[in-house]
Amino acid sequence: MLIINVKENESIDKALKRFKKKFEKTGVLKELRARTAFEKPSVRRRNQIIRAAYREQQRLAETNG
């Protein structure tokens, strides 16, 4: 369970933003979306490889460009 203490003179918007950031870090929503549809292990591995290659290209482009 997430607990967000609202500080004195802190707006609700800031507290809500802190809550959203903390909630996103837990990965609950990401896991929920992943569990809604079954993904074969071979497809999951293929997608991981594709994502890793894309990130590597972005990293190389950033260092060279």
PDB file of N, CA and C in Angstrom:
ATOM      1  N   MET A   1       0.837  -1.164   0.000  1.00  0.00           N
ATOM      2  CA  MET A   1       0.000   0.000   0.000  1.00  0.00           C
ATOM      3  C   MET A   1       0.891   1.239   0.000  1.00  0.00           C
ATOM      4  N   LEU A   2       0.559   2.181  -0.838  1.00  0.00           N
ATOM      5  CA  LEU A   2       1.335   3.409  -0.922  1.00  0.00           C
ATOM      6  C   LEU A   2       0.804   4.435   0.068  1.00  0.00           C
ATOM      7  N   ILE A   3       1.718   5.080   0.748  1.00  0.00           N
ATOM      8  CA  ILE A   3       1.337   6.138   1.676  1.00  0.00           C
ATOM      9  C   ILE A   3       2.055   7.409   1.252  1.00  0.00           C
ATOM     10  N   ILE A   4       1.277   8.440   1.032  1.00  0.00           N
ATOM     11  CA  ILE A   4       1.817   9.737   0.660  1.00  0.00           C
ATOM     12  C   ILE A   4       1.416  10.726   1.742  1.00  0.00           C
ATOM     13  N   ASN A   5       2.394  11.267   2.437  1.00  0.00           N
ATOM     14  CA  ASN A   5       2.112  12.276   3.452  1.00  0.00           C
ATOM     15  C   ASN A   5       2.085  13.643   2.783  1.00  0.00           C
ATOM     16  N   VAL A   6       0.972  14.327   2.955  1.00  0.00           N
ATOM     17  CA  VAL A   6       0.844  15.674   2.385  1.00  0.00           C
ATOM     18  C   VAL A   6       1.468  16.647   3.371  1.00  0.00           C
ATOM     19  N   LYS A   7       2.457  17.380   2.906  1.00  0.00           N
ATOM     20  CA  LYS A   7       3.159  18.326   3.761  1.00  0.00           C
ATOM     21  C   LYS A   7       2.314  19.582   3.949  1.00  0.00           C
ATOM     22  N   GLU A   8       2.651  20.342   4.958  1.00  0.00           N
ATOM     23  CA  GLU A   8       1.918  21.586   5.189  1.00  0.00           C
ATOM     24  C   GLU A   8       2.142  22.532   4.022  1.00  0.00           C
ATOM     25  N   ASN A   9       1.092  23.225   3.654  1.00  0.00           N
ATOM     26  CA  ASN A   9       1.114  24.204   2.561  1.00  0.00           C
ATOM     27  C   ASN A   9       1.505  23.580   1.222  1.00  0.00           C
ATOM     28  N   GLU A  10       1.307  22.277   1.089  1.00  0.00           N
ATOM     29  CA  GLU A  10       1.580  21.615  -0.190  1.00  0.00           C
ATOM     30  C   GLU A  10       0.261  21.446  -0.939  1.00  0.00           C
ATOM     31  N   SER A  11       0.277  21.780  -2.200  1.00  0.00           N
ATOM     32  CA  SER A  11      -0.959  21.659  -2.973  1.00  0.00           C
ATOM     33  C   SER A  11      -1.274  20.186  -3.228  1.00  0.00           C
ATOM     34  N   ILE A  12      -2.546  19.930  -3.441  1.00  0.00           N
ATOM     35  CA  ILE A  12      -2.995  18.568  -3.724  1.00  0.00           C
ATOM     36  C   ILE A  12      -2.408  18.084  -5.044  1.00  0.00           C
ATOM     37  N   ASP A  13      -2.221  18.991  -5.982  1.00  0.00           N
ATOM     38  CA  ASP A  13      -1.651  18.612  -7.277  1.00  0.00           C
ATOM     39  C   ASP A  13      -0.242  18.035  -7.118  1.00  0.00           C
ATOM     40  N   LYS A  14       0.570  18.668  -6.279  1.00  0.00           N
ATOM     41  CA  LYS A  14       1.936  18.168  -6.063  1.00  0.00           C
ATOM     42  C   LYS A  14       1.915  16.808  -5.378  1.00  0.00           C
ATOM     43  N   ALA A  15       1.020  16.667  -4.392  1.00  0.00           N
ATOM     44  CA  ALA A  15       0.917  15.388  -3.691  1.00  0.00           C
ATOM     45  C   ALA A  15       0.444  14.300  -4.637  1.00  0.00           C
ATOM     46  N   LEU A  16      -0.502  14.626  -5.505  1.00  0.00           N
ATOM     47  CA  LEU A  16      -0.997  13.666  -6.484  1.00  0.00           C
ATOM     48  C   LEU A  16       0.103  13.277  -7.466  1.00  0.00           C
ATOM     49  N   LYS A  17       0.917  14.250  -7.858  1.00  0.00           N
ATOM     50  CA  LYS A  17       2.031  13.970  -8.762  1.00  0.00           C
ATOM     51  C   LYS A  17       3.030  13.015  -8.104  1.00  0.00           C
ATOM     52  N   ARG A  18       3.320  13.230  -6.803  1.00  0.00           N
ATOM     53  CA  ARG A  18       4.220  12.332  -6.085  1.00  0.00           C
ATOM     54  C   ARG A  18       3.630  10.930  -5.999  1.00  0.00           C
ATOM     55  N   PHE A  19       2.310  10.858  -5.762  1.00  0.00           N
ATOM     56  CA  PHE A  19       1.644   9.557  -5.699  1.00  0.00           C
ATOM     57  C   PHE A  19       1.745   8.833  -7.028  1.00  0.00           C
ATOM     58  N   LYS A  20       1.467   9.532  -8.120  1.00  0.00           N
ATOM     59  CA  LYS A  20       1.517   8.916  -9.444  1.00  0.00           C
ATOM     60  C   LYS A  20       2.912   8.400  -9.756  1.00  0.00           C
ATOM     61  N   LYS A  21       3.933   9.180  -9.398  1.00  0.00           N
ATOM     62  CA  LYS A  21       5.314   8.770  -9.655  1.00  0.00           C
ATOM     63  C   LYS A  21       5.663   7.521  -8.856  1.00  0.00           C
ATOM     64  N   LYS A  22       5.255   7.496  -7.590  1.00  0.00           N
ATOM     65  CA  LYS A  22       5.526   6.347  -6.733  1.00  0.00           C
ATOM     66  C   LYS A  22       4.781   5.114  -7.242  1.00  0.00           C
ATOM     67  N   PHE A  23       3.532   5.316  -7.665  1.00  0.00           N
ATOM     68  CA  PHE A  23       2.722   4.216  -8.181  1.00  0.00           C
ATOM     69  C   PHE A  23       3.324   3.652  -9.460  1.00  0.00           C
ATOM     70  N   GLU A  24       3.810   4.520 -10.330  1.00  0.00           N
ATOM     71  CA  GLU A  24       4.425   4.088 -11.583  1.00  0.00           C
ATOM     72  C   GLU A  24       5.682   3.259 -11.307  1.00  0.00           C
ATOM     73  N   LYS A  25       6.440   3.636 -10.270  1.00  0.00           N
ATOM     74  CA  LYS A  25       7.658   2.915  -9.919  1.00  0.00           C
ATOM     75  C   LYS A  25       7.376   1.486  -9.477  1.00  0.00           C
ATOM     76  N   THR A  26       6.226   1.251  -8.864  1.00  0.00           N
ATOM     77  CA  THR A  26       5.911  -0.087  -8.380  1.00  0.00           C
ATOM     78  C   THR A  26       5.701  -1.063  -9.528  1.00  0.00           C
ATOM     79  N   GLY A  27       5.256  -0.584 -10.690  1.00  0.00           N
ATOM     80  CA  GLY A  27       5.079  -1.438 -11.855  1.00  0.00           C
ATOM     81  C   GLY A  27       3.798  -2.255 -11.834  1.00  0.00           C
ATOM     82  N   VAL A  28       2.857  -1.887 -10.982  1.00  0.00           N
ATOM     83  CA  VAL A  28       1.606  -2.634 -10.861  1.00  0.00           C
ATOM     84  C   VAL A  28       0.813  -2.577 -12.159  1.00  0.00           C
ATOM     85  N   LEU A  29       0.672  -1.389 -12.711  1.00  0.00           N
ATOM     86  CA  LEU A  29      -0.127  -1.226 -13.924  1.00  0.00           C
ATOM     87  C   LEU A  29       0.515  -1.947 -15.113  1.00  0.00           C
ATOM     88  N   LYS A  30       1.831  -1.894 -15.195  1.00  0.00           N
ATOM     89  CA  LYS A  30       2.549  -2.578 -16.281  1.00  0.00           C
ATOM     90  C   LYS A  30       2.339  -4.085 -16.198  1.00  0.00           C
ATOM     91  N   GLU A  31       2.417  -4.619 -14.985  1.00  0.00           N
ATOM     92  CA  GLU A  31       2.215  -6.048 -14.799  1.00  0.00           C
ATOM     93  C   GLU A  31       0.775  -6.443 -15.111  1.00  0.00           C
ATOM     94  N   LEU A  32      -0.163  -5.606 -14.714  1.00  0.00           N
ATOM     95  CA  LEU A  32      -1.572  -5.881 -14.984  1.00  0.00           C
ATOM     96  C   LEU A  32      -1.833  -5.960 -16.487  1.00  0.00           C
ATOM     97  N   ARG A  33      -1.265  -5.027 -17.229  1.00  0.00           N
ATOM     98  CA  ARG A  33      -1.442  -5.032 -18.682  1.00  0.00           C
ATOM     99  C   ARG A  33      -0.777  -6.256 -19.307  1.00  0.00           C
ATOM    100  N   ALA A  34       0.348  -6.663 -18.773  1.00  0.00           N
ATOM    101  CA  ALA A  34       1.053  -7.832 -19.299  1.00  0.00           C
ATOM    102  C   ALA A  34       0.259  -9.105 -19.045  1.00  0.00           C
ATOM    103  N   ARG A  35      -0.471  -9.148 -17.935  1.00  0.00           N
ATOM    104  CA  ARG A  35      -1.220 -10.352 -17.589  1.00  0.00           C
ATOM    105  C   ARG A  35      -2.557 -10.459 -18.310  1.00  0.00           C
ATOM    106  N   THR A  36      -3.034  -9.378 -18.913  1.00  0.00           N
ATOM    107  CA  THR A  36      -4.343  -9.426 -19.562  1.00  0.00           C
ATOM    108  C   THR A  36      -4.341 -10.348 -20.777  1.00  0.00           C
ATOM    109  N   ALA A  37      -3.229 -10.404 -21.483  1.00  0.00           N
ATOM    110  CA  ALA A  37      -3.147 -11.267 -22.662  1.00  0.00           C
ATOM    111  C   ALA A  37      -1.893 -12.121 -22.548  1.00  0.00           C
ATOM    112  N   PHE A  38      -2.040 -13.426 -22.769  1.00  0.00           N
ATOM    113  CA  PHE A  38      -0.897 -14.325 -22.672  1.00  0.00           C
ATOM    114  C   PHE A  38       0.051 -14.088 -23.831  1.00  0.00           C
ATOM    115  N   GLU A  39       1.332 -14.071 -23.521  1.00  0.00           N
ATOM    116  CA  GLU A  39       2.364 -13.910 -24.530  1.00  0.00           C
ATOM    117  C   GLU A  39       3.294 -15.112 -24.440  1.00  0.00           C
ATOM    118  N   LYS A  40       3.476 -15.797 -25.549  1.00  0.00           N
ATOM    119  CA  LYS A  40       4.335 -16.968 -25.552  1.00  0.00           C
ATOM    120  C   LYS A  40       5.758 -16.557 -25.183  1.00  0.00           C
ATOM    121  N   PRO A  41       6.482 -17.429 -24.484  1.00  0.00           N
ATOM    122  CA  PRO A  41       7.853 -17.099 -24.094  1.00  0.00           C
ATOM    123  C   PRO A  41       8.755 -16.768 -25.284  1.00  0.00           C
ATOM    124  N   SER A  42       8.552 -17.440 -26.407  1.00  0.00           N
ATOM    125  CA  SER A  42       9.390 -17.150 -27.576  1.00  0.00           C
ATOM    126  C   SER A  42       9.103 -15.747 -28.111  1.00  0.00           C
ATOM    127  N   VAL A  43       7.843 -15.339 -28.079  1.00  0.00           N
ATOM    128  CA  VAL A  43       7.470 -13.994 -28.536  1.00  0.00           C
ATOM    129  C   VAL A  43       8.027 -12.954 -27.569  1.00  0.00           C
ATOM    130  N   ARG A  44       7.974 -13.247 -26.268  1.00  0.00           N
ATOM    131  CA  ARG A  44       8.494 -12.325 -25.261  1.00  0.00           C
ATOM    132  C   ARG A  44       9.990 -12.116 -25.453  1.00  0.00           C
ATOM    133  N   ARG A  45      10.728 -13.224 -25.688  1.00  0.00           N
ATOM    134  CA  ARG A  45      12.174 -13.112 -25.923  1.00  0.00           C
ATOM    135  C   ARG A  45      12.472 -12.309 -27.177  1.00  0.00           C
ATOM    136  N   ARG A  46      11.704 -12.561 -28.240  1.00  0.00           N
ATOM    137  CA  ARG A  46      11.916 -11.833 -29.491  1.00  0.00           C
ATOM    138  C   ARG A  46      11.689 -10.333 -29.286  1.00  0.00           C
ATOM    139  N   ASN A  47      10.641  -9.992 -28.560  1.00  0.00           N
ATOM    140  CA  ASN A  47      10.356  -8.575 -28.301  1.00  0.00           C
ATOM    141  C   ASN A  47      11.447  -7.941 -27.447  1.00  0.00           C
ATOM    142  N   GLN A  48      11.978  -8.683 -26.484  1.00  0.00           N
ATOM    143  CA  GLN A  48      13.072  -8.158 -25.667  1.00  0.00           C
ATOM    144  C   GLN A  48      14.306  -7.889 -26.511  1.00  0.00           C
ATOM    145  N   ILE A  49      14.600  -8.790 -27.436  1.00  0.00           N
ATOM    146  CA  ILE A  49      15.763  -8.612 -28.310  1.00  0.00           C
ATOM    147  C   ILE A  49      15.576  -7.400 -29.211  1.00  0.00           C
ATOM    148  N   ILE A  50      14.378  -7.243 -29.754  1.00  0.00           N
ATOM    149  CA  ILE A  50      14.087  -6.100 -30.622  1.00  0.00           C
ATOM    150  C   ILE A  50      14.222  -4.799 -29.840  1.00  0.00           C
ATOM    151  N   ARG A  51      13.676  -4.767 -28.609  1.00  0.00           N
ATOM    152  CA  ARG A  51      13.771  -3.553 -27.787  1.00  0.00           C
ATOM    153  C   ARG A  51      15.222  -3.242 -27.417  1.00  0.00           C
ATOM    154  N   ALA A  52      16.000  -4.286 -27.108  1.00  0.00           N
ATOM    155  CA  ALA A  52      17.403  -4.078 -26.744  1.00  0.00           C
ATOM    156  C   ALA A  52      18.187  -3.531 -27.939  1.00  0.00           C
ATOM    157  N   ALA A  53      17.918  -4.047 -29.125  1.00  0.00           N
ATOM    158  CA  ALA A  53      18.613  -3.558 -30.322  1.00  0.00           C
ATOM    159  C   ALA A  53      18.251  -2.102 -30.584  1.00  0.00           C
ATOM    160  N   TYR A  54      16.985  -1.753 -30.388  1.00  0.00           N
ATOM    161  CA  TYR A  54      16.544  -0.370 -30.597  1.00  0.00           C
ATOM    162  C   TYR A  54      17.231   0.570 -29.600  1.00  0.00           C
ATOM    163  N   ARG A  55      17.283   0.147 -28.330  1.00  0.00           N
ATOM    164  CA  ARG A  55      17.942   0.983 -27.318  1.00  0.00           C
ATOM    165  C   ARG A  55      19.425   1.143 -27.631  1.00  0.00           C
ATOM    166  N   GLU A  56      20.060   0.082 -28.115  1.00  0.00           N
ATOM    167  CA  GLU A  56      21.479   0.151 -28.466  1.00  0.00           C
ATOM    168  C   GLU A  56      21.701   1.126 -29.621  1.00  0.00           C
ATOM    169  N   GLN A  57      20.815   1.087 -30.621  1.00  0.00           N
ATOM    170  CA  GLN A  57      20.917   2.029 -31.741  1.00  0.00           C
ATOM    171  C   GLN A  57      20.768   3.465 -31.250  1.00  0.00           C
ATOM    172  N   GLN A  58      19.811   3.696 -30.338  1.00  0.00           N
ATOM    173  CA  GLN A  58      19.606   5.031 -29.813  1.00  0.00           C
ATOM    174  C   GLN A  58      20.836   5.505 -29.028  1.00  0.00           C
ATOM    175  N   ARG A  59      21.416   4.609 -28.255  1.00  0.00           N
ATOM    176  CA  ARG A  59      22.592   4.963 -27.462  1.00  0.00           C
ATOM    177  C   ARG A  59      23.770   5.297 -28.373  1.00  0.00           C
ATOM    178  N   LEU A  60      23.958   4.488 -29.426  1.00  0.00           N
ATOM    179  CA  LEU A  60      25.057   4.755 -30.366  1.00  0.00           C
ATOM    180  C   LEU A  60      24.835   6.053 -31.129  1.00  0.00           C
ATOM    181  N   ALA A  61      23.607   6.314 -31.511  1.00  0.00           N
ATOM    182  CA  ALA A  61      23.298   7.547 -32.232  1.00  0.00           C
ATOM    183  C   ALA A  61      23.540   8.762 -31.327  1.00  0.00           C
ATOM    184  N   GLU A  62      23.257   8.616 -30.051  1.00  0.00           N
ATOM    185  CA  GLU A  62      23.462   9.718 -29.113  1.00  0.00           C
ATOM    186  C   GLU A  62      24.934  10.014 -28.900  1.00  0.00           C
ATOM    187  N   THR A  63      25.753   8.969 -28.828  1.00  0.00           N
ATOM    188  CA  THR A  63      27.177   9.176 -28.604  1.00  0.00           C
ATOM    189  C   THR A  63      27.879   9.661 -29.873  1.00  0.00           C
ATOM    190  N   ASN A  64      27.401   9.223 -31.043  1.00  0.00           N
ATOM    191  CA  ASN A  64      28.044   9.622 -32.302  1.00  0.00           C
ATOM    192  C   ASN A  64      27.516  10.940 -32.830  1.00  0.00           C
ATOM    193  N   GLY A  65      26.290  11.270 -32.479  1.00  0.00           N
ATOM    194  CA  GLY A  65      25.658  12.433 -33.074  1.00  0.00           C
ATOM    195  C   GLY A  65      25.767  13.625 -32.255  1.00  0.00           C
TER     196      GLY A  65
END
